[in-house]
Amino acid sequence: KKTFLGIEHVKMPRNFSSGLEDLIVNLLVADQSKRMGRAKGISAIFNHRWFSGFDFEGLQNQTMQTPFSPDLPTDLRDLGRDEPIEMNAPECNWWPDFQAIDKSLEG
């Protein structure tokens, strides 16, 4: 219900970085003419500080290394029958808070 009052009434999760919060708030500005990506185009989103260090060219060219590659069995029907897959977040320079979020989910 608070969403209908505007983004300024939505409480962001504590584990969101200030950059992520700024990105979300600017993407959800009610006035479309002032919304991020509208006046200065998509480059305003790509150049936002939260995406600093992100390889958009590698993503587009499909040459970007995956941040996590699980060790999957050859036959996917066997998935989950052995030990659980270790899912630790990789080192990440474009989303510094990712490590903290991953550790907070461990329990």
PDB file of N, CA and C in Angstrom:
ATOM      1  N   LYS A   1       0.827  -1.200   0.000  1.00  0.00           N
ATOM      2  CA  LYS A   1       0.000   0.000   0.000  1.00  0.00           C
ATOM      3  C   LYS A   1       0.867   1.258   0.000  1.00  0.00           C
ATOM      4  N   LYS A   2       2.023   1.190   0.660  1.00  0.00           N
ATOM      5  CA  LYS A   2       2.887   2.367   0.713  1.00  0.00           C
ATOM      6  C   LYS A   2       3.425   2.734  -0.662  1.00  0.00           C
ATOM      7  N   THR A   3       3.517   1.760  -1.560  1.00  0.00           N
ATOM      8  CA  THR A   3       4.028   2.014  -2.898  1.00  0.00           C
ATOM      9  C   THR A   3       3.167   3.045  -3.614  1.00  0.00           C
ATOM     10  N   PHE A   4       1.879   3.026  -3.392  1.00  0.00           N
ATOM     11  CA  PHE A   4       0.989   3.979  -4.041  1.00  0.00           C
ATOM     12  C   PHE A   4       1.200   5.401  -3.547  1.00  0.00           C
ATOM     13  N   LEU A   5       1.808   5.553  -2.372  1.00  0.00           N
ATOM     14  CA  LEU A   5       2.092   6.878  -1.841  1.00  0.00           C
ATOM     15  C   LEU A   5       3.352   7.468  -2.468  1.00  0.00           C
ATOM     16  N   GLY A   6       4.161   6.648  -3.075  1.00  0.00           N
ATOM     17  CA  GLY A   6       5.405   7.109  -3.690  1.00  0.00           C
ATOM     18  C   GLY A   6       6.591   6.380  -3.096  1.00  0.00           C
ATOM     19  N   ILE A   7       7.666   6.333  -3.841  1.00  0.00           N
ATOM     20  CA  ILE A   7       8.859   5.603  -3.430  1.00  0.00           C
ATOM     21  C   ILE A   7       9.456   6.162  -2.143  1.00  0.00           C
ATOM     22  N   GLU A   8       9.251   7.434  -1.876  1.00  0.00           N
ATOM     23  CA  GLU A   8       9.801   8.035  -0.654  1.00  0.00           C
ATOM     24  C   GLU A   8       9.166   7.463   0.616  1.00  0.00           C
ATOM     25  N   HIS A   9       8.054   6.756   0.468  1.00  0.00           N
ATOM     26  CA  HIS A   9       7.397   6.137   1.620  1.00  0.00           C
ATOM     27  C   HIS A   9       7.749   4.656   1.786  1.00  0.00           C
ATOM     28  N   VAL A  10       8.561   4.144   0.882  1.00  0.00           N
ATOM     29  CA  VAL A  10       8.967   2.748   0.944  1.00  0.00           C
ATOM     30  C   VAL A  10      10.288   2.654   1.717  1.00  0.00           C
ATOM     31  N   LYS A  11      10.320   1.782   2.703  1.00  0.00           N
ATOM     32  CA  LYS A  11      11.540   1.592   3.491  1.00  0.00           C
ATOM     33  C   LYS A  11      12.409   0.550   2.787  1.00  0.00           C
ATOM     34  N   MET A  12      13.615   0.959   2.440  1.00  0.00           N
ATOM     35  CA  MET A  12      14.543   0.057   1.760  1.00  0.00           C
ATOM     36  C   MET A  12      15.158  -0.910   2.777  1.00  0.00           C
ATOM     37  N   PRO A  13      15.469  -2.119   2.356  1.00  0.00           N
ATOM     38  CA  PRO A  13      16.136  -3.066   3.257  1.00  0.00           C
ATOM     39  C   PRO A  13      17.472  -2.506   3.737  1.00  0.00           C
ATOM     40  N   ARG A  14      17.837  -2.808   4.953  1.00  0.00           N
ATOM     41  CA  ARG A  14      19.074  -2.283   5.542  1.00  0.00           C
ATOM     42  C   ARG A  14      20.309  -2.759   4.802  1.00  0.00           C
ATOM     43  N   ASN A  15      20.235  -3.916   4.154  1.00  0.00           N
ATOM     44  CA  ASN A  15      21.425  -4.419   3.481  1.00  0.00           C
ATOM     45  C   ASN A  15      21.621  -3.821   2.086  1.00  0.00           C
ATOM     46  N   PHE A  16      20.755  -2.918   1.648  1.00  0.00           N
ATOM     47  CA  PHE A  16      20.936  -2.234   0.367  1.00  0.00           C
ATOM     48  C   PHE A  16      22.004  -1.165   0.532  1.00  0.00           C
ATOM     49  N   SER A  17      22.934  -1.107  -0.401  1.00  0.00           N
ATOM     50  CA  SER A  17      23.945  -0.046  -0.368  1.00  0.00           C
ATOM     51  C   SER A  17      23.276   1.274  -0.731  1.00  0.00           C
ATOM     52  N   SER A  18      23.951   2.375  -0.417  1.00  0.00           N
ATOM     53  CA  SER A  18      23.391   3.683  -0.772  1.00  0.00           C
ATOM     54  C   SER A  18      23.289   3.817  -2.283  1.00  0.00           C
ATOM     55  N   GLY A  19      24.235   3.203  -3.023  1.00  0.00           N
ATOM     56  CA  GLY A  19      24.189   3.256  -4.488  1.00  0.00           C
ATOM     57  C   GLY A  19      22.987   2.522  -5.045  1.00  0.00           C
ATOM     58  N   LEU A  20      22.688   1.346  -4.496  1.00  0.00           N
ATOM     59  CA  LEU A  20      21.531   0.580  -4.956  1.00  0.00           C
ATOM     60  C   LEU A  20      20.236   1.323  -4.630  1.00  0.00           C
ATOM     61  N   GLU A  21      20.163   1.872  -3.435  1.00  0.00           N
ATOM     62  CA  GLU A  21      18.974   2.622  -3.051  1.00  0.00           C
ATOM     63  C   GLU A  21      18.776   3.821  -3.974  1.00  0.00           C
ATOM     64  N   ASP A  22      19.862   4.531  -4.278  1.00  0.00           N
ATOM     65  CA  ASP A  22      19.784   5.684  -5.178  1.00  0.00           C
ATOM     66  C   ASP A  22      19.312   5.263  -6.565  1.00  0.00           C
ATOM     67  N   LEU A  23      19.820   4.147  -7.076  1.00  0.00           N
ATOM     68  CA  LEU A  23      19.413   3.644  -8.383  1.00  0.00           C
ATOM     69  C   LEU A  23      17.915   3.344  -8.404  1.00  0.00           C
ATOM     70  N   ILE A  24      17.444   2.624  -7.398  1.00  0.00           N
ATOM     71  CA  ILE A  24      16.021   2.257  -7.331  1.00  0.00           C
ATOM     72  C   ILE A  24      15.135   3.496  -7.253  1.00  0.00           C
ATOM     73  N   VAL A  25      15.488   4.415  -6.365  1.00  0.00           N
ATOM     74  CA  VAL A  25      14.686   5.629  -6.189  1.00  0.00           C
ATOM     75  C   VAL A  25      14.619   6.418  -7.496  1.00  0.00           C
ATOM     76  N   ASN A  26      15.750   6.546  -8.194  1.00  0.00           N
ATOM     77  CA  ASN A  26      15.763   7.321  -9.432  1.00  0.00           C
ATOM     78  C   ASN A  26      15.078   6.623 -10.592  1.00  0.00           C
ATOM     79  N   LEU A  27      15.001   5.301 -10.558  1.00  0.00           N
ATOM     80  CA  LEU A  27      14.261   4.580 -11.594  1.00  0.00           C
ATOM     81  C   LEU A  27      12.753   4.628 -11.358  1.00  0.00           C
ATOM     82  N   LEU A  28      12.354   4.912 -10.123  1.00  0.00           N
ATOM     83  CA  LEU A  28      10.931   4.906  -9.775  1.00  0.00           C
ATOM     84  C   LEU A  28      10.346   6.298  -9.523  1.00  0.00           C
ATOM     85  N   VAL A  29      11.006   7.330 -10.011  1.00  0.00           N
ATOM     86  CA  VAL A  29      10.476   8.689  -9.882  1.00  0.00           C
ATOM     87  C   VAL A  29       9.135   8.751 -10.603  1.00  0.00           C
ATOM     88  N   ALA A  30       8.123   9.285  -9.939  1.00  0.00           N
ATOM     89  CA  ALA A  30       6.767   9.310 -10.505  1.00  0.00           C
ATOM     90  C   ALA A  30       6.675  10.144 -11.779  1.00  0.00           C
ATOM     91  N   ASP A  31       7.356  11.289 -11.796  1.00  0.00           N
ATOM     92  CA  ASP A  31       7.337  12.160 -12.967  1.00  0.00           C
ATOM     93  C   ASP A  31       8.249  11.565 -14.038  1.00  0.00           C
ATOM     94  N   GLN A  32       7.660  11.048 -15.100  1.00  0.00           N
ATOM     95  CA  GLN A  32       8.427  10.357 -16.138  1.00  0.00           C
ATOM     96  C   GLN A  32       9.508  11.234 -16.761  1.00  0.00           C
ATOM     97  N   SER A  33       9.259  12.523 -16.845  1.00  0.00           N
ATOM     98  CA  SER A  33      10.248  13.414 -17.460  1.00  0.00           C
ATOM     99  C   SER A  33      11.501  13.549 -16.602  1.00  0.00           C
ATOM    100  N   LYS A  34      11.405  13.216 -15.314  1.00  0.00           N
ATOM    101  CA  LYS A  34      12.547  13.323 -14.397  1.00  0.00           C
ATOM    102  C   LYS A  34      13.137  11.952 -14.048  1.00  0.00           C
ATOM    103  N   ARG A  35      12.529  10.894 -14.527  1.00  0.00           N
ATOM    104  CA  ARG A  35      12.957   9.535 -14.213  1.00  0.00           C
ATOM    105  C   ARG A  35      14.307   9.227 -14.867  1.00  0.00           C
ATOM    106  N   MET A  36      15.165   8.516 -14.133  1.00  0.00           N
ATOM    107  CA  MET A  36      16.470   8.135 -14.668  1.00  0.00           C
ATOM    108  C   MET A  36      16.287   7.324 -15.948  1.00  0.00           C
ATOM    109  N   GLY A  37      17.074   7.679 -16.961  1.00  0.00           N
ATOM    110  CA  GLY A  37      16.997   7.000 -18.234  1.00  0.00           C
ATOM    111  C   GLY A  37      16.099   7.706 -19.230  1.00  0.00           C
ATOM    112  N   ARG A  38      15.320   8.648 -18.758  1.00  0.00           N
ATOM    113  CA  ARG A  38      14.384   9.347 -19.643  1.00  0.00           C
ATOM    114  C   ARG A  38      15.061  10.547 -20.319  1.00  0.00           C
ATOM    115  N   ALA A  39      15.570  11.473 -19.535  1.00  0.00           N
ATOM    116  CA  ALA A  39      16.134  12.699 -20.096  1.00  0.00           C
ATOM    117  C   ALA A  39      17.489  12.460 -20.767  1.00  0.00           C
ATOM    118  N   LYS A  40      18.357  11.696 -20.122  1.00  0.00           N
ATOM    119  CA  LYS A  40      19.717  11.489 -20.643  1.00  0.00           C
ATOM    120  C   LYS A  40      19.878  10.123 -21.294  1.00  0.00           C
ATOM    121  N   GLY A  41      18.800   9.383 -21.432  1.00  0.00           N
ATOM    122  CA  GLY A  41      18.840   8.088 -22.097  1.00  0.00           C
ATOM    123  C   GLY A  41      19.388   6.981 -21.205  1.00  0.00           C
ATOM    124  N   ILE A  42      19.536   5.829 -21.801  1.00  0.00           N
ATOM    125  CA  ILE A  42      19.953   4.632 -21.078  1.00  0.00           C
ATOM    126  C   ILE A  42      21.351   4.781 -20.494  1.00  0.00           C
ATOM    127  N   SER A  43      22.175   5.651 -21.070  1.00  0.00           N
ATOM    128  CA  SER A  43      23.540   5.836 -20.567  1.00  0.00           C
ATOM    129  C   SER A  43      23.535   6.336 -19.126  1.00  0.00           C
ATOM    130  N   ALA A  44      22.494   7.053 -18.724  1.00  0.00           N
ATOM    131  CA  ALA A  44      22.400   7.507 -17.334  1.00  0.00           C
ATOM    132  C   ALA A  44      22.303   6.320 -16.383  1.00  0.00           C
ATOM    133  N   ILE A  45      21.643   5.272 -16.822  1.00  0.00           N
ATOM    134  CA  ILE A  45      21.533   4.058 -16.002  1.00  0.00           C
ATOM    135  C   ILE A  45      22.854   3.298 -16.037  1.00  0.00           C
ATOM    136  N   PHE A  46      23.413   3.109 -17.231  1.00  0.00           N
ATOM    137  CA  PHE A  46      24.681   2.380 -17.359  1.00  0.00           C
ATOM    138  C   PHE A  46      25.807   3.062 -16.592  1.00  0.00           C
ATOM    139  N   ASN A  47      25.781   4.381 -16.520  1.00  0.00           N
ATOM    140  CA  ASN A  47      26.850   5.124 -15.858  1.00  0.00           C
ATOM    141  C   ASN A  47      26.594   5.364 -14.369  1.00  0.00           C
ATOM    142  N   HIS A  48      25.506   4.841 -13.842  1.00  0.00           N
ATOM    143  CA  HIS A  48      25.214   5.016 -12.415  1.00  0.00           C
ATOM    144  C   HIS A  48      26.294   4.336 -11.581  1.00  0.00           C
ATOM    145  N   ARG A  49      26.601   4.911 -10.433  1.00  0.00           N
ATOM    146  CA  ARG A  49      27.699   4.405  -9.592  1.00  0.00           C
ATOM    147  C   ARG A  49      27.504   2.956  -9.158  1.00  0.00           C
ATOM    148  N   TRP A  50      26.271   2.490  -9.051  1.00  0.00           N
ATOM    149  CA  TRP A  50      26.043   1.102  -8.617  1.00  0.00           C
ATOM    150  C   TRP A  50      26.592   0.112  -9.629  1.00  0.00           C
ATOM    151  N   PHE A  51      26.618   0.500 -10.907  1.00  0.00           N
ATOM    152  CA  PHE A  51      27.131  -0.366 -11.961  1.00  0.00           C
ATOM    153  C   PHE A  51      28.623  -0.144 -12.222  1.00  0.00           C
ATOM    154  N   SER A  52      29.281   0.651 -11.403  1.00  0.00           N
ATOM    155  CA  SER A  52      30.708   0.920 -11.583  1.00  0.00           C
ATOM    156  C   SER A  52      31.489  -0.389 -11.632  1.00  0.00           C
ATOM    157  N   GLY A  53      32.253  -0.581 -12.686  1.00  0.00           N
ATOM    158  CA  GLY A  53      33.049  -1.787 -12.842  1.00  0.00           C
ATOM    159  C   GLY A  53      32.324  -2.927 -13.543  1.00  0.00           C
ATOM    160  N   PHE A  54      31.039  -2.767 -13.820  1.00  0.00           N
ATOM    161  CA  PHE A  54      30.292  -3.828 -14.501  1.00  0.00           C
ATOM    162  C   PHE A  54      30.638  -3.819 -15.985  1.00  0.00           C
ATOM    163  N   ASP A  55      30.861  -4.976 -16.563  1.00  0.00           N
ATOM    164  CA  ASP A  55      31.277  -5.122 -17.954  1.00  0.00           C
ATOM    165  C   ASP A  55      30.058  -5.268 -18.870  1.00  0.00           C
ATOM    166  N   PHE A  56      29.433  -4.145 -19.212  1.00  0.00           N
ATOM    167  CA  PHE A  56      28.263  -4.187 -20.084  1.00  0.00           C
ATOM    168  C   PHE A  56      28.628  -4.689 -21.485  1.00  0.00           C
ATOM    169  N   GLU A  57      29.818  -4.341 -21.964  1.00  0.00           N
ATOM    170  CA  GLU A  57      30.245  -4.800 -23.288  1.00  0.00           C
ATOM    171  C   GLU A  57      30.402  -6.323 -23.290  1.00  0.00           C
ATOM    172  N   GLY A  58      30.995  -6.861 -22.236  1.00  0.00           N
ATOM    173  CA  GLY A  58      31.134  -8.308 -22.119  1.00  0.00           C
ATOM    174  C   GLY A  58      29.784  -9.001 -22.027  1.00  0.00           C
ATOM    175  N   LEU A  59      28.842  -8.369 -21.339  1.00  0.00           N
ATOM    176  CA  LEU A  59      27.486  -8.924 -21.241  1.00  0.00           C
ATOM    177  C   LEU A  59      26.833  -8.955 -22.620  1.00  0.00           C
ATOM    178  N   GLN A  60      26.927  -7.841 -23.342  1.00  0.00           N
ATOM    179  CA  GLN A  60      26.320  -7.760 -24.663  1.00  0.00           C
ATOM    180  C   GLN A  60      26.962  -8.749 -25.640  1.00  0.00           C
ATOM    181  N   ASN A  61      28.281  -8.886 -25.570  1.00  0.00           N
ATOM    182  CA  ASN A  61      28.997  -9.779 -26.489  1.00  0.00           C
ATOM    183  C   ASN A  61      29.010 -11.230 -26.016  1.00  0.00           C
ATOM    184  N   GLN A  62      28.434 -11.472 -24.870  1.00  0.00           N
ATOM    185  CA  GLN A  62      28.384 -12.804 -24.252  1.00  0.00           C
ATOM    186  C   GLN A  62      29.788 -13.388 -24.042  1.00  0.00           C
ATOM    187  N   THR A  63      30.718 -12.505 -23.667  1.00  0.00           N
ATOM    188  CA  THR A  63      32.082 -12.938 -23.361  1.00  0.00           C
ATOM    189  C   THR A  63      32.395 -12.772 -21.883  1.00  0.00           C
ATOM    190  N   MET A  64      31.436 -12.296 -21.145  1.00  0.00           N
ATOM    191  CA  MET A  64      31.615 -12.043 -19.716  1.00  0.00           C
ATOM    192  C   MET A  64      31.705 -13.363 -18.954  1.00  0.00           C
ATOM    193  N   GLN A  65      32.643 -13.435 -18.025  1.00  0.00           N
ATOM    194  CA  GLN A  65      32.768 -14.616 -17.193  1.00  0.00           C
ATOM    195  C   GLN A  65      31.622 -14.647 -16.180  1.00  0.00           C
ATOM    196  N   THR A  66      31.070 -15.802 -15.947  1.00  0.00           N
ATOM    197  CA  THR A  66      30.011 -15.913 -14.955  1.00  0.00           C
ATOM    198  C   THR A  66      30.612 -15.733 -13.566  1.00  0.00           C
ATOM    199  N   PRO A  67      29.915 -15.053 -12.672  1.00  0.00           N
ATOM    200  CA  PRO A  67      30.460 -14.843 -11.332  1.00  0.00           C
ATOM    201  C   PRO A  67      30.437 -16.112 -10.482  1.00  0.00           C
ATOM    202  N   PHE A  68      29.624 -17.075 -10.888  1.00  0.00           N
ATOM    203  CA  PHE A  68      29.505 -18.313 -10.119  1.00  0.00           C
ATOM    204  C   PHE A  68      29.185 -19.452 -11.074  1.00  0.00           C
ATOM    205  N   SER A  69      29.967 -20.507 -11.015  1.00  0.00           N
ATOM    206  CA  SER A  69      29.716 -21.686 -11.848  1.00  0.00           C
ATOM    207  C   SER A  69      29.600 -22.901 -10.938  1.00  0.00           C
ATOM    208  N   PRO A  70      28.386 -23.353 -10.657  1.00  0.00           N
ATOM    209  CA  PRO A  70      28.220 -24.494  -9.757  1.00  0.00           C
ATOM    210  C   PRO A  70      28.747 -25.785 -10.390  1.00  0.00           C
ATOM    211  N   ASP A  71      29.185 -26.673  -9.558  1.00  0.00           N
ATOM    212  CA  ASP A  71      29.650 -27.976 -10.014  1.00  0.00           C
ATOM    213  C   ASP A  71      28.416 -28.878 -10.126  1.00  0.00           C
ATOM    214  N   LEU A  72      27.895 -29.009 -11.348  1.00  0.00           N
ATOM    215  CA  LEU A  72      26.664 -29.765 -11.569  1.00  0.00           C
ATOM    216  C   LEU A  72      26.983 -31.176 -12.061  1.00  0.00           C
ATOM    217  N   PRO A  73      26.149 -32.140 -11.682  1.00  0.00           N
ATOM    218  CA  PRO A  73      26.359 -33.502 -12.187  1.00  0.00           C
ATOM    219  C   PRO A  73      26.040 -33.561 -13.679  1.00  0.00           C
ATOM    220  N   THR A  74      26.631 -34.535 -14.378  1.00  0.00           N
ATOM    221  CA  THR A  74      26.379 -34.706 -15.804  1.00  0.00           C
ATOM    222  C   THR A  74      24.898 -34.982 -16.050  1.00  0.00           C
ATOM    223  N   ASP A  75      24.324 -35.826 -15.243  1.00  0.00           N
ATOM    224  CA  ASP A  75      22.897 -36.136 -15.346  1.00  0.00           C
ATOM    225  C   ASP A  75      22.165 -35.300 -14.295  1.00  0.00           C
ATOM    226  N   LEU A  76      21.412 -34.320 -14.732  1.00  0.00           N
ATOM    227  CA  LEU A  76      20.749 -33.402 -13.805  1.00  0.00           C
ATOM    228  C   LEU A  76      19.691 -34.081 -12.935  1.00  0.00           C
ATOM    229  N   ARG A  77      19.306 -35.285 -13.288  1.00  0.00           N
ATOM    230  CA  ARG A  77      18.369 -36.021 -12.427  1.00  0.00           C
ATOM    231  C   ARG A  77      19.021 -36.383 -11.098  1.00  0.00           C
ATOM    232  N   ASP A  78      20.366 -36.364 -11.072  1.00  0.00           N
ATOM    233  CA  ASP A  78      21.099 -36.662  -9.832  1.00  0.00           C
ATOM    234  C   ASP A  78      21.291 -35.427  -8.962  1.00  0.00           C
ATOM    235  N   LEU A  79      20.865 -34.282  -9.438  1.00  0.00           N
ATOM    236  CA  LEU A  79      21.048 -33.032  -8.699  1.00  0.00           C
ATOM    237  C   LEU A  79      20.358 -33.106  -7.341  1.00  0.00           C
ATOM    238  N   GLY A  80      21.091 -32.805  -6.298  1.00  0.00           N
ATOM    239  CA  GLY A  80      20.540 -32.795  -4.960  1.00  0.00           C
ATOM    240  C   GLY A  80      20.654 -34.112  -4.221  1.00  0.00           C
ATOM    241  N   ARG A  81      21.151 -35.133  -4.868  1.00  0.00           N
ATOM    242  CA  ARG A  81      21.254 -36.435  -4.219  1.00  0.00           C
ATOM    243  C   ARG A  81      22.541 -36.579  -3.426  1.00  0.00           C
ATOM    244  N   ASP A  82      23.555 -35.801  -3.783  1.00  0.00           N
ATOM    245  CA  ASP A  82      24.818 -35.832  -3.062  1.00  0.00           C
ATOM    246  C   ASP A  82      24.837 -34.705  -2.033  1.00  0.00           C
ATOM    247  N   GLU A  83      26.012 -34.302  -1.661  1.00  0.00           N
ATOM    248  CA  GLU A  83      26.175 -33.183  -0.731  1.00  0.00           C
ATOM    249  C   GLU A  83      25.607 -31.913  -1.367  1.00  0.00           C
ATOM    250  N   PRO A  84      25.086 -31.000  -0.557  1.00  0.00           N
ATOM    251  CA  PRO A  84      24.562 -29.745  -1.121  1.00  0.00           C
ATOM    252  C   PRO A  84      25.684 -28.949  -1.798  1.00  0.00           C
ATOM    253  N   ILE A  85      25.312 -28.213  -2.844  1.00  0.00           N
ATOM    254  CA  ILE A  85      26.271 -27.391  -3.580  1.00  0.00           C
ATOM    255  C   ILE A  85      26.638 -26.181  -2.725  1.00  0.00           C
ATOM    256  N   GLU A  86      27.914 -25.897  -2.617  1.00  0.00           N
ATOM    257  CA  GLU A  86      28.409 -24.736  -1.871  1.00  0.00           C
ATOM    258  C   GLU A  86      28.096 -23.489  -2.694  1.00  0.00           C
ATOM    259  N   MET A  87      27.411 -22.513  -2.114  1.00  0.00           N
ATOM    260  CA  MET A  87      26.974 -21.337  -2.867  1.00  0.00           C
ATOM    261  C   MET A  87      27.515 -20.050  -2.250  1.00  0.00           C
ATOM    262  N   ASN A  88      28.812 -19.916  -2.134  1.00  0.00           N
ATOM    263  CA  ASN A  88      29.408 -18.701  -1.604  1.00  0.00           C
ATOM    264  C   ASN A  88      29.559 -17.672  -2.712  1.00  0.00           C
ATOM    265  N   ALA A  89      29.323 -16.429  -2.384  1.00  0.00           N
ATOM    266  CA  ALA A  89      29.431 -15.363  -3.373  1.00  0.00           C
ATOM    267  C   ALA A  89      30.887 -15.164  -3.769  1.00  0.00           C
ATOM    268  N   PRO A  90      31.132 -14.945  -5.060  1.00  0.00           N
ATOM    269  CA  PRO A  90      32.499 -14.695  -5.511  1.00  0.00           C
ATOM    270  C   PRO A  90      32.924 -13.279  -5.143  1.00  0.00           C
ATOM    271  N   GLU A  91      34.220 -13.027  -5.224  1.00  0.00           N
ATOM    272  CA  GLU A  91      34.695 -11.661  -5.047  1.00  0.00           C
ATOM    273  C   GLU A  91      34.041 -10.811  -6.124  1.00  0.00           C
ATOM    274  N   CYS A  92      33.628  -9.606  -5.775  1.00  0.00           N
ATOM    275  CA  CYS A  92      32.844  -8.804  -6.696  1.00  0.00           C
ATOM    276  C   CYS A  92      33.214  -7.342  -6.524  1.00  0.00           C
ATOM    277  N   ASN A  93      33.681  -6.683  -7.592  1.00  0.00           N
ATOM    278  CA  ASN A  93      34.026  -5.275  -7.467  1.00  0.00           C
ATOM    279  C   ASN A  93      32.940  -4.340  -7.981  1.00  0.00           C
ATOM    280  N   TRP A  94      31.889  -4.880  -8.603  1.00  0.00           N
ATOM    281  CA  TRP A  94      30.834  -3.987  -9.072  1.00  0.00           C
ATOM    282  C   TRP A  94      29.656  -3.949  -8.117  1.00  0.00           C
ATOM    283  N   TRP A  95      29.593  -4.843  -7.146  1.00  0.00           N
ATOM    284  CA  TRP A  95      28.551  -4.804  -6.126  1.00  0.00           C
ATOM    285  C   TRP A  95      29.208  -5.168  -4.807  1.00  0.00           C
ATOM    286  N   PRO A  96      29.876  -4.204  -4.162  1.00  0.00           N
ATOM    287  CA  PRO A  96      30.651  -4.502  -2.957  1.00  0.00           C
ATOM    288  C   PRO A  96      29.844  -5.129  -1.834  1.00  0.00           C
ATOM    289  N   ASP A  97      28.562  -4.850  -1.742  1.00  0.00           N
ATOM    290  CA  ASP A  97      27.751  -5.374  -0.651  1.00  0.00           C
ATOM    291  C   ASP A  97      27.306  -6.810  -0.886  1.00  0.00           C
ATOM    292  N   PHE A  98      27.603  -7.376  -2.066  1.00  0.00           N
ATOM    293  CA  PHE A  98      27.157  -8.729  -2.389  1.00  0.00           C
ATOM    294  C   PHE A  98      27.715  -9.742  -1.394  1.00  0.00           C
ATOM    295  N   GLN A  99      28.985  -9.601  -1.031  1.00  0.00           N
ATOM    296  CA  GLN A  99      29.601 -10.516  -0.076  1.00  0.00           C
ATOM    297  C   GLN A  99      28.854 -10.462   1.262  1.00  0.00           C
ATOM    298  N   ALA A 100      28.535  -9.259   1.729  1.00  0.00           N
ATOM    299  CA  ALA A 100      27.854  -9.116   3.023  1.00  0.00           C
ATOM    300  C   ALA A 100      26.460  -9.735   2.976  1.00  0.00           C
ATOM    301  N   ILE A 101      25.754  -9.547   1.869  1.00  0.00           N
ATOM    302  CA  ILE A 101      24.410 -10.114   1.741  1.00  0.00           C
ATOM    303  C   ILE A 101      24.484 -11.637   1.745  1.00  0.00           C
ATOM    304  N   ASP A 102      25.453 -12.180   0.985  1.00  0.00           N
ATOM    305  CA  ASP A 102      25.606 -13.628   0.914  1.00  0.00           C
ATOM    306  C   ASP A 102      25.887 -14.214   2.294  1.00  0.00           C
ATOM    307  N   LYS A 103      26.751 -13.567   3.040  1.00  0.00           N
ATOM    308  CA  LYS A 103      27.090 -14.065   4.379  1.00  0.00           C
ATOM    309  C   LYS A 103      25.892 -13.958   5.331  1.00  0.00           C
ATOM    310  N   SER A 104      25.059 -12.905   5.162  1.00  0.00           N
ATOM    311  CA  SER A 104      23.904 -12.756   6.042  1.00  0.00           C
ATOM    312  C   SER A 104      22.846 -13.819   5.764  1.00  0.00           C
ATOM    313  N   LEU A 105      22.838 -14.394   4.570  1.00  0.00           N
ATOM    314  CA  LEU A 105      21.861 -15.425   4.228  1.00  0.00           C
ATOM    315  C   LEU A 105      22.269 -16.809   4.708  1.00  0.00           C
ATOM    316  N   GLU A 106      23.538 -16.938   5.101  1.00  0.00           N
ATOM    317  CA  GLU A 106      24.024 -18.252   5.527  1.00  0.00           C
ATOM    318  C   GLU A 106      23.378 -18.734   6.817  1.00  0.00           C
ATOM    319  N   GLY A 107      22.859 -17.825   7.588  1.00  0.00           N
ATOM    320  CA  GLY A 107      22.129 -18.279   8.750  1.00  0.00           C
ATOM    321  C   GLY A 107      22.673 -17.839  10.027  1.00  0.00           C
TER     322      GLY A 107
END
